[in-house]
Amino acid sequence: MANKGARSARYQRLHGPDTAVSAFILEQMLRALLRRARLDRKHDIPYLAGYSRDGRTVYIDRELPRYFVSRRTRIYTDRFLILHETVEKAMIDQVGLKYQHAHQIALRTEEAAVRAYGISWREYDRFMQRYIKEVADESLKRLPLDLDIKPYRDEHDYGLLHRMQRAQRRERLQLRQRPKKR
């Protein structure tokens, strides 16, 4: 009988229509994704966020603030970006979608999660758009060597791709030139 109580605590029954976006279900999904994904905020990432080729690491640009303030409340954004990037990567790798389609699905999922937390999508998106523009103009000094560049290829952003490849070559060269630890 003790197991029954543990089971019901873990799987809470939803009340209301199952077609409504449930903050409870989204929170469980976010927690599961956060346990699986490794977050890295030490690099310059074009368009604010990306992921490693193997999908295990989600990169968020090092200059993006961790939160914005809305109605005197701090809104932490990493969880929503991790959700977006994880869904996008799964849609590309597991379903075979092109980046543009995967991005649209990930964006709608991100928006549903933001709204489920009671956050204004308009405020959240305005905050993100402000930093996307700034990051697009920045120089790429630190770029992860395992960053998946498929989204940038699918966007046909060849100027950015060339800048990224140069930055990755510099990173590799610096790694080779560092003295080895004994």
Protein backbone atom coordinates (compact mmCIF):
# COMPACT_ATOMS: atom_id res chain seq x y z
CA MET A 1 0.00 0.00 0.00
CA ALA A 2 2.89 2.40 0.63
CA ASN A 3 3.78 2.22 -3.07
CA LYS A 4 0.38 3.50 -4.11
CA GLY A 5 0.95 6.83 -2.29
CA ALA A 6 4.40 7.22 -3.85
CA ARG A 7 3.00 6.52 -7.30
CA SER A 8 0.19 9.03 -6.98
CA ALA A 9 2.60 11.72 -5.77
CA ARG A 10 4.82 11.12 -8.77
CA TYR A 11 2.04 11.00 -11.36
CA GLN A 12 -0.47 13.64 -10.46
CA ARG A 13 -3.84 13.40 -12.21
CA LEU A 14 -4.70 16.45 -14.28
CA HIS A 15 -8.01 18.19 -13.78
CA GLY A 16 -9.67 19.88 -16.71
CA PRO A 17 -9.33 19.30 -20.44
CA ASP A 18 -6.23 17.38 -21.49
CA THR A 19 -5.85 19.63 -24.54
CA ALA A 20 -5.04 22.66 -22.38
CA VAL A 21 -1.37 23.49 -21.84
CA SER A 22 -0.54 22.31 -18.37
CA ALA A 23 2.08 24.18 -16.36
CA PHE A 24 2.51 21.04 -14.27
CA ILE A 25 3.30 18.84 -17.28
CA LEU A 26 5.61 21.47 -18.78
CA GLU A 27 7.44 21.77 -15.47
CA GLN A 28 7.99 18.00 -15.36
CA MET A 29 9.25 18.04 -18.96
CA LEU A 30 11.59 20.96 -18.23
CA ARG A 31 13.01 19.23 -15.16
CA ALA A 32 13.68 16.07 -17.16
CA LEU A 33 15.44 18.06 -19.90
CA LEU A 34 17.47 20.05 -17.37
CA ARG A 35 18.70 16.80 -15.80
CA ARG A 36 19.88 15.50 -19.19
CA ALA A 37 21.34 18.62 -20.77
CA ARG A 38 24.66 20.15 -19.80
CA LEU A 39 24.52 23.95 -19.88
CA ASP A 40 27.50 25.99 -21.05
CA ARG A 41 27.52 29.81 -20.85
CA LYS A 42 31.23 30.35 -21.53
CA HIS A 43 31.11 30.91 -25.29
CA ASP A 44 29.96 33.33 -27.98
CA ILE A 45 26.94 31.72 -29.63
CA PRO A 46 25.35 33.26 -32.72
CA TYR A 47 21.56 33.76 -32.32
CA LEU A 48 21.91 33.41 -28.51
CA ALA A 49 21.80 29.64 -28.13
CA GLY A 50 22.82 26.41 -29.82
CA TYR A 51 23.78 22.84 -29.09
CA SER A 52 26.65 20.44 -29.50
CA ARG A 53 26.71 17.98 -32.39
CA ASP A 54 25.85 15.12 -30.02
CA GLY A 55 23.05 17.16 -28.41
CA ARG A 56 24.32 16.68 -24.87
CA THR A 57 25.38 20.30 -24.33
CA VAL A 58 23.21 23.38 -24.76
CA TYR A 59 25.20 26.56 -25.30
CA ILE A 60 23.81 29.95 -24.29
CA ASP A 61 25.76 33.06 -25.25
CA ARG A 62 28.00 34.23 -22.42
CA GLU A 63 26.78 37.83 -22.71
CA LEU A 64 23.06 37.11 -22.51
CA PRO A 65 21.83 38.14 -19.04
CA ARG A 66 20.46 35.21 -17.04
CA TYR A 67 17.20 37.03 -16.36
CA PHE A 68 15.09 40.06 -17.10
CA VAL A 69 12.75 41.90 -14.73
CA SER A 70 9.01 41.93 -15.30
CA ARG A 71 6.69 43.55 -12.77
CA ARG A 72 9.49 43.54 -10.17
CA THR A 73 10.04 39.79 -10.65
CA ARG A 74 13.19 38.20 -12.04
CA ILE A 75 12.41 35.96 -15.00
CA TYR A 76 15.23 33.44 -15.49
CA THR A 77 15.47 32.45 -19.14
CA ASP A 78 17.93 29.53 -19.33
CA ARG A 79 15.27 26.86 -18.81
CA PHE A 80 13.23 28.12 -21.76
CA LEU A 81 16.27 28.30 -24.05
CA ILE A 82 17.32 24.79 -23.02
CA LEU A 83 13.80 23.59 -23.85
CA HIS A 84 13.92 25.32 -27.24
CA GLU A 85 17.33 23.97 -28.20
CA THR A 86 16.57 20.43 -27.01
CA VAL A 87 13.28 20.25 -28.93
CA GLU A 88 14.91 21.74 -32.03
CA LYS A 89 17.79 19.24 -31.96
CA ALA A 90 15.40 16.30 -31.46
CA MET A 91 13.22 17.42 -34.38
CA ILE A 92 16.26 17.63 -36.66
CA ASP A 93 17.98 14.43 -35.56
CA GLN A 94 15.08 12.14 -34.66
CA VAL A 95 12.36 13.31 -37.05
CA GLY A 96 14.55 14.51 -39.91
CA LEU A 97 13.11 18.01 -40.18
CA LYS A 98 14.99 20.91 -41.69
CA TYR A 99 16.17 23.56 -39.27
CA GLN A 100 13.49 26.09 -40.22
CA HIS A 101 10.65 23.65 -39.44
CA ALA A 102 12.30 22.35 -36.26
CA HIS A 103 12.88 25.92 -35.12
CA GLN A 104 9.18 26.79 -35.53
CA ILE A 105 8.12 23.78 -33.44
CA ALA A 106 10.74 24.61 -30.79
CA LEU A 107 9.65 28.25 -30.72
CA ARG A 108 5.99 27.28 -30.17
CA THR A 109 7.05 24.90 -27.39
CA GLU A 110 9.15 27.64 -25.79
CA GLU A 111 6.22 30.06 -26.03
CA ALA A 112 3.83 27.55 -24.41
CA ALA A 113 6.27 27.05 -21.53
CA VAL A 114 6.78 30.79 -21.04
CA ARG A 115 3.02 31.39 -20.97
CA ALA A 116 2.42 28.39 -18.67
CA TYR A 117 4.71 30.07 -16.13
CA GLY A 118 2.53 33.17 -16.28
CA ILE A 119 5.14 35.21 -18.14
CA SER A 120 4.18 37.59 -20.93
CA TRP A 121 5.44 36.13 -24.21
CA ARG A 122 5.67 39.64 -25.63
CA GLU A 123 8.00 40.82 -22.85
CA TYR A 124 10.08 37.64 -23.03
CA ASP A 125 10.40 37.81 -26.82
CA ARG A 126 11.25 41.53 -26.74
CA PHE A 127 14.08 40.78 -24.29
CA MET A 128 15.42 37.96 -26.49
CA GLN A 129 15.18 39.93 -29.73
CA ARG A 130 17.18 42.77 -28.24
CA TYR A 131 20.09 40.43 -27.51
CA ILE A 132 19.83 38.47 -30.76
CA LYS A 133 20.60 41.67 -32.65
CA GLU A 134 23.53 42.50 -30.40
CA VAL A 135 25.04 39.02 -30.67
CA ALA A 136 24.71 39.04 -34.47
CA ASP A 137 27.09 42.00 -34.63
CA GLU A 138 29.62 40.79 -32.08
CA SER A 139 32.93 39.26 -32.92
CA LEU A 140 33.25 35.56 -32.25
CA LYS A 141 36.14 35.16 -29.86
CA ARG A 142 35.13 31.97 -28.06
CA LEU A 143 33.24 29.40 -30.08
CA PRO A 144 32.77 25.80 -28.90
CA LEU A 145 34.53 23.32 -31.14
CA ASP A 146 31.60 20.90 -31.06
CA LEU A 147 28.87 23.47 -31.84
CA ASP A 148 26.41 21.98 -34.34
CA ILE A 149 26.55 24.26 -37.39
CA LYS A 150 23.68 22.61 -39.29
CA PRO A 151 21.21 25.37 -38.32
CA TYR A 152 23.54 28.02 -39.72
CA ARG A 153 24.03 26.02 -42.93
CA ASP A 154 20.28 25.55 -43.32
CA GLU A 155 19.80 29.31 -42.90
CA HIS A 156 22.33 29.92 -45.71
CA ASP A 157 24.08 32.49 -43.53
CA TYR A 158 27.41 31.98 -45.28
CA GLY A 159 29.05 35.13 -43.93
CA LEU A 160 28.37 33.99 -40.38
CA LEU A 161 29.45 30.43 -41.23
CA HIS A 162 32.82 31.67 -42.47
CA ARG A 163 33.29 33.79 -39.33
CA MET A 164 32.40 30.77 -37.19
CA GLN A 165 34.82 28.49 -39.04
CA ARG A 166 37.63 31.04 -38.61
CA ALA A 167 36.86 31.31 -34.88
CA GLN A 168 36.89 27.51 -34.51
CA ARG A 169 40.23 27.28 -36.34
CA ARG A 170 41.64 29.88 -33.91
CA GLU A 171 40.29 27.86 -30.96
CA ARG A 172 41.91 24.65 -32.27
CA LEU A 173 45.21 26.44 -32.87
CA GLN A 174 45.19 27.85 -29.34
CA LEU A 175 44.49 24.40 -27.91
CA ARG A 176 47.48 22.96 -29.77
CA GLN A 177 49.79 25.74 -28.64
CA ARG A 178 48.98 25.41 -24.93
CA PRO A 179 51.69 23.65 -22.96
CA LYS A 180 50.68 20.14 -21.93
CA LYS A 181 50.29 19.42 -18.22
CA ARG A 182 52.58 16.77 -16.80
